[in-house]
Structure formats: structure tokens, C-alpha cells
Amino acid sequence: MARYKVIDMSPRLLPVDLHAQLVPGSFAHALHHLVDQLDLSAFDALYRNDGNGASAFAPAVLLKAVLLAYSQGLISSRVIERAFRDNVLFIALTGDAKPHFTTLADFISRSRDAIAS
């Protein structure tokens, strides 16, 4: 009878360095550093939660995610939301943020002019 290696699917605690997932020279690495250098003050005017309301995702995080998604042909906010769960580049680029698809759709529609500039 043939013998096979046993696959152990029990839970593990593995430390993950998210920054190490952004390989130097890759598009995601360049995007991460490029967006961090941009003046994103045009996005700040779109938020009115200084005193009230829940804190928002930083525009840099959402912009990185949207640009990475568009570069990979992902244009649906629901598909982009799924990438936040399944794709290590999205997890690393956004620090494991998990915005709802409506947050992404709202950001894209409200920030269209700011993204274009």
C-alpha cells in the first residue's frame, strides 16, 4: 500500500511581516512609496468627521487599494473587498484593513476628481 505525507491543517500562530510582502522593485512596493509621497490634502475636504462620527479609513490606504485593484483589472467594489481577504498584496499594502465594499464604492465615486488630479 502506498504511503503519503500527512498534511496537518491544525491552527498555527505565524508571525507575518506585512512590509516584507512588498518585494522591492514590484509594482505594489512602488505604489506604496509613491502614494505615501503624494499630497492627499484634496481628499481631506471630503471627510467631515472631525468631532462626530466614526473614524474613516485613511485616504492613502483606500487609494493604494483602488490603484492596485485597477492595475490588476479588478473594478468591482465587491471583488476588491474580496481581495482584502484573499490577496496578500492587498493585505500588506493596506496593513490588513478590511473596508466594506460600500466604503470602497463611496470612496471611488466621491474621490473621482481628487484621484484624477
C-alpha atoms as a PDB file:
ATOM      1  CA  MET A   1       0.000   0.000   0.000  1.00  0.00           C
ATOM      2  CA  ALA A   2       1.315   3.475  -0.898  1.00  0.00           C
ATOM      3  CA  ARG A   3       2.361   5.827   1.880  1.00  0.00           C
ATOM      4  CA  TYR A   4       1.698   9.562   1.716  1.00  0.00           C
ATOM      5  CA  LYS A   5       2.863  12.514   3.744  1.00  0.00           C
ATOM      6  CA  VAL A   6       0.369  13.621   6.348  1.00  0.00           C
ATOM      7  CA  ILE A   7      -0.988  17.131   5.823  1.00  0.00           C
ATOM      8  CA  ASP A   8      -1.559  18.866   9.147  1.00  0.00           C
ATOM      9  CA  MET A   9      -4.308  21.501   8.911  1.00  0.00           C
ATOM     10  CA  SER A  10      -4.375  22.393  12.602  1.00  0.00           C
ATOM     11  CA  PRO A  11      -4.222  26.088  13.552  1.00  0.00           C
ATOM     12  CA  ARG A  12      -0.845  27.809  13.767  1.00  0.00           C
ATOM     13  CA  LEU A  13       0.340  31.120  15.049  1.00  0.00           C
ATOM     14  CA  LEU A  14       2.685  32.507  12.413  1.00  0.00           C
ATOM     15  CA  PRO A  15       4.154  35.989  12.661  1.00  0.00           C
ATOM     16  CA  VAL A  16       3.744  37.841   9.387  1.00  0.00           C
ATOM     17  CA  ASP A  17       5.817  40.867   8.452  1.00  0.00           C
ATOM     18  CA  LEU A  18       3.448  42.647   6.083  1.00  0.00           C
ATOM     19  CA  HIS A  19       6.129  45.050   4.868  1.00  0.00           C
ATOM     20  CA  ALA A  20       8.284  42.100   3.769  1.00  0.00           C
ATOM     21  CA  GLN A  21       5.474  41.013   1.423  1.00  0.00           C
ATOM     22  CA  LEU A  22       6.030  44.150  -0.671  1.00  0.00           C
ATOM     23  CA  VAL A  23       9.006  42.977  -2.703  1.00  0.00           C
ATOM     24  CA  PRO A  24      11.361  45.815  -3.710  1.00  0.00           C
ATOM     25  CA  GLY A  25      11.023  46.514  -7.416  1.00  0.00           C
ATOM     26  CA  SER A  26       7.442  45.266  -7.604  1.00  0.00           C
ATOM     27  CA  PHE A  27       4.504  47.431  -8.610  1.00  0.00           C
ATOM     28  CA  ALA A  28       2.956  47.142  -5.136  1.00  0.00           C
ATOM     29  CA  HIS A  29       6.196  48.298  -3.493  1.00  0.00           C
ATOM     30  CA  ALA A  30       6.480  51.283  -5.838  1.00  0.00           C
ATOM     31  CA  LEU A  31       2.802  52.138  -5.359  1.00  0.00           C
ATOM     32  CA  HIS A  32       3.177  52.022  -1.572  1.00  0.00           C
ATOM     33  CA  HIS A  33       6.048  54.502  -1.591  1.00  0.00           C
ATOM     34  CA  LEU A  34       4.591  56.704  -4.333  1.00  0.00           C
ATOM     35  CA  VAL A  35       1.217  57.218  -2.636  1.00  0.00           C
ATOM     36  CA  ASP A  36       2.967  57.948   0.677  1.00  0.00           C
ATOM     37  CA  GLN A  37       4.777  60.840  -1.054  1.00  0.00           C
ATOM     38  CA  LEU A  38       1.653  62.381  -2.618  1.00  0.00           C
ATOM     39  CA  ASP A  39      -0.149  65.415  -1.249  1.00  0.00           C
ATOM     40  CA  LEU A  40      -3.527  63.959  -0.330  1.00  0.00           C
ATOM     41  CA  SER A  41      -4.992  67.136   1.146  1.00  0.00           C
ATOM     42  CA  ALA A  42      -7.666  67.176  -1.596  1.00  0.00           C
ATOM     43  CA  PHE A  43      -9.118  64.039  -0.004  1.00  0.00           C
ATOM     44  CA  ASP A  44      -9.301  65.613   3.470  1.00  0.00           C
ATOM     45  CA  ALA A  45     -12.012  68.033   2.327  1.00  0.00           C
ATOM     46  CA  LEU A  46     -14.252  65.045   1.556  1.00  0.00           C
ATOM     47  CA  TYR A  47     -14.429  63.999   5.214  1.00  0.00           C
ATOM     48  CA  ARG A  48     -16.460  65.742   7.921  1.00  0.00           C
ATOM     49  CA  ASN A  49     -15.828  63.570  10.952  1.00  0.00           C
ATOM     50  CA  ASP A  50     -13.564  65.844  12.992  1.00  0.00           C
ATOM     51  CA  GLY A  51     -15.809  65.878  16.054  1.00  0.00           C
ATOM     52  CA  ASN A  52     -18.551  63.370  15.349  1.00  0.00           C
ATOM     53  CA  GLY A  53     -18.941  60.074  13.603  1.00  0.00           C
ATOM     54  CA  ALA A  54     -16.759  57.047  13.203  1.00  0.00           C
ATOM     55  CA  SER A  55     -13.141  57.361  12.172  1.00  0.00           C
ATOM     56  CA  ALA A  56     -12.570  56.836   8.474  1.00  0.00           C
ATOM     57  CA  PHE A  57     -10.012  54.767   6.630  1.00  0.00           C
ATOM     58  CA  ALA A  58      -7.070  56.935   5.631  1.00  0.00           C
ATOM     59  CA  PRO A  59      -7.372  58.072   2.006  1.00  0.00           C
ATOM     60  CA  ALA A  60      -3.857  56.756   1.335  1.00  0.00           C
ATOM     61  CA  VAL A  61      -4.942  53.224   2.296  1.00  0.00           C
ATOM     62  CA  LEU A  62      -8.015  53.305   0.070  1.00  0.00           C
ATOM     63  CA  LEU A  63      -6.140  54.947  -2.805  1.00  0.00           C
ATOM     64  CA  LYS A  64      -3.404  52.294  -2.685  1.00  0.00           C
ATOM     65  CA  ALA A  65      -6.020  49.556  -2.725  1.00  0.00           C
ATOM     66  CA  VAL A  66      -8.013  51.070  -5.590  1.00  0.00           C
ATOM     67  CA  LEU A  67      -4.936  51.701  -7.744  1.00  0.00           C
ATOM     68  CA  LEU A  68      -3.596  48.190  -7.107  1.00  0.00           C
ATOM     69  CA  ALA A  69      -7.017  46.728  -7.899  1.00  0.00           C
ATOM     70  CA  TYR A  70      -7.353  48.697 -11.127  1.00  0.00           C
ATOM     71  CA  SER A  71      -3.835  47.634 -12.172  1.00  0.00           C
ATOM     72  CA  GLN A  72      -4.957  44.012 -11.824  1.00  0.00           C
ATOM     73  CA  GLY A  73      -8.226  44.538 -13.692  1.00  0.00           C
ATOM     74  CA  LEU A  74     -10.406  44.479 -10.565  1.00  0.00           C
ATOM     75  CA  ILE A  75     -13.058  47.166 -10.930  1.00  0.00           C
ATOM     76  CA  SER A  76     -15.980  45.883  -8.870  1.00  0.00           C
ATOM     77  CA  SER A  77     -16.015  47.096  -5.270  1.00  0.00           C
ATOM     78  CA  ARG A  78     -17.194  43.652  -4.149  1.00  0.00           C
ATOM     79  CA  VAL A  79     -14.286  41.973  -5.918  1.00  0.00           C
ATOM     80  CA  ILE A  80     -11.875  44.485  -4.387  1.00  0.00           C
ATOM     81  CA  GLU A  81     -13.356  43.768  -0.945  1.00  0.00           C
ATOM     82  CA  ARG A  82     -12.703  40.057  -1.514  1.00  0.00           C
ATOM     83  CA  ALA A  83      -9.091  40.857  -2.413  1.00  0.00           C
ATOM     84  CA  PHE A  84      -8.662  42.435   1.040  1.00  0.00           C
ATOM     85  CA  ARG A  85      -9.345  38.958   2.470  1.00  0.00           C
ATOM     86  CA  ASP A  86      -7.625  36.724  -0.074  1.00  0.00           C
ATOM     87  CA  ASN A  87      -4.712  38.573  -1.688  1.00  0.00           C
ATOM     88  CA  VAL A  88      -1.529  39.019   0.337  1.00  0.00           C
ATOM     89  CA  LEU A  89      -0.557  42.145  -1.633  1.00  0.00           C
ATOM     90  CA  PHE A  90      -3.770  43.909  -0.624  1.00  0.00           C
ATOM     91  CA  ILE A  91      -3.336  42.761   2.966  1.00  0.00           C
ATOM     92  CA  ALA A  92       0.260  44.017   3.072  1.00  0.00           C
ATOM     93  CA  LEU A  93      -0.366  47.254   1.196  1.00  0.00           C
ATOM     94  CA  THR A  94      -3.228  48.281   3.455  1.00  0.00           C
ATOM     95  CA  GLY A  95      -1.998  46.944   6.783  1.00  0.00           C
ATOM     96  CA  ASP A  96      -4.746  44.303   6.858  1.00  0.00           C
ATOM     97  CA  ALA A  97      -7.530  46.882   6.640  1.00  0.00           C
ATOM     98  CA  LYS A  98     -10.853  45.383   5.634  1.00  0.00           C
ATOM     99  CA  PRO A  99     -13.175  48.110   4.352  1.00  0.00           C
ATOM    100  CA  HIS A 100     -16.695  47.145   3.317  1.00  0.00           C
ATOM    101  CA  PHE A 101     -17.462  47.240  -0.401  1.00  0.00           C
ATOM    102  CA  THR A 102     -19.771  50.223   0.140  1.00  0.00           C
ATOM    103  CA  THR A 103     -16.862  52.147   1.682  1.00  0.00           C
ATOM    104  CA  LEU A 104     -14.791  51.413  -1.413  1.00  0.00           C
ATOM    105  CA  ALA A 105     -17.590  52.348  -3.806  1.00  0.00           C
ATOM    106  CA  ASP A 106     -18.256  55.575  -1.905  1.00  0.00           C
ATOM    107  CA  PHE A 107     -14.553  56.468  -1.898  1.00  0.00           C
ATOM    108  CA  ILE A 108     -14.279  55.882  -5.640  1.00  0.00           C
ATOM    109  CA  SER A 109     -17.395  57.875  -6.513  1.00  0.00           C
ATOM    110  CA  ARG A 110     -16.699  60.793  -4.141  1.00  0.00           C
ATOM    111  CA  SER A 111     -12.975  60.968  -4.898  1.00  0.00           C
ATOM    112  CA  ARG A 112     -13.087  60.718  -8.674  1.00  0.00           C
ATOM    113  CA  ASP A 113     -11.850  64.297  -9.203  1.00  0.00           C
ATOM    114  CA  ALA A 114      -9.185  64.041  -6.500  1.00  0.00           C
ATOM    115  CA  ILE A 115      -7.911  60.758  -7.935  1.00  0.00           C
ATOM    116  CA  ALA A 116      -7.756  62.255 -11.432  1.00  0.00           C
ATOM    117  CA  SER A 117      -5.656  65.169 -10.202  1.00  0.00           C
END
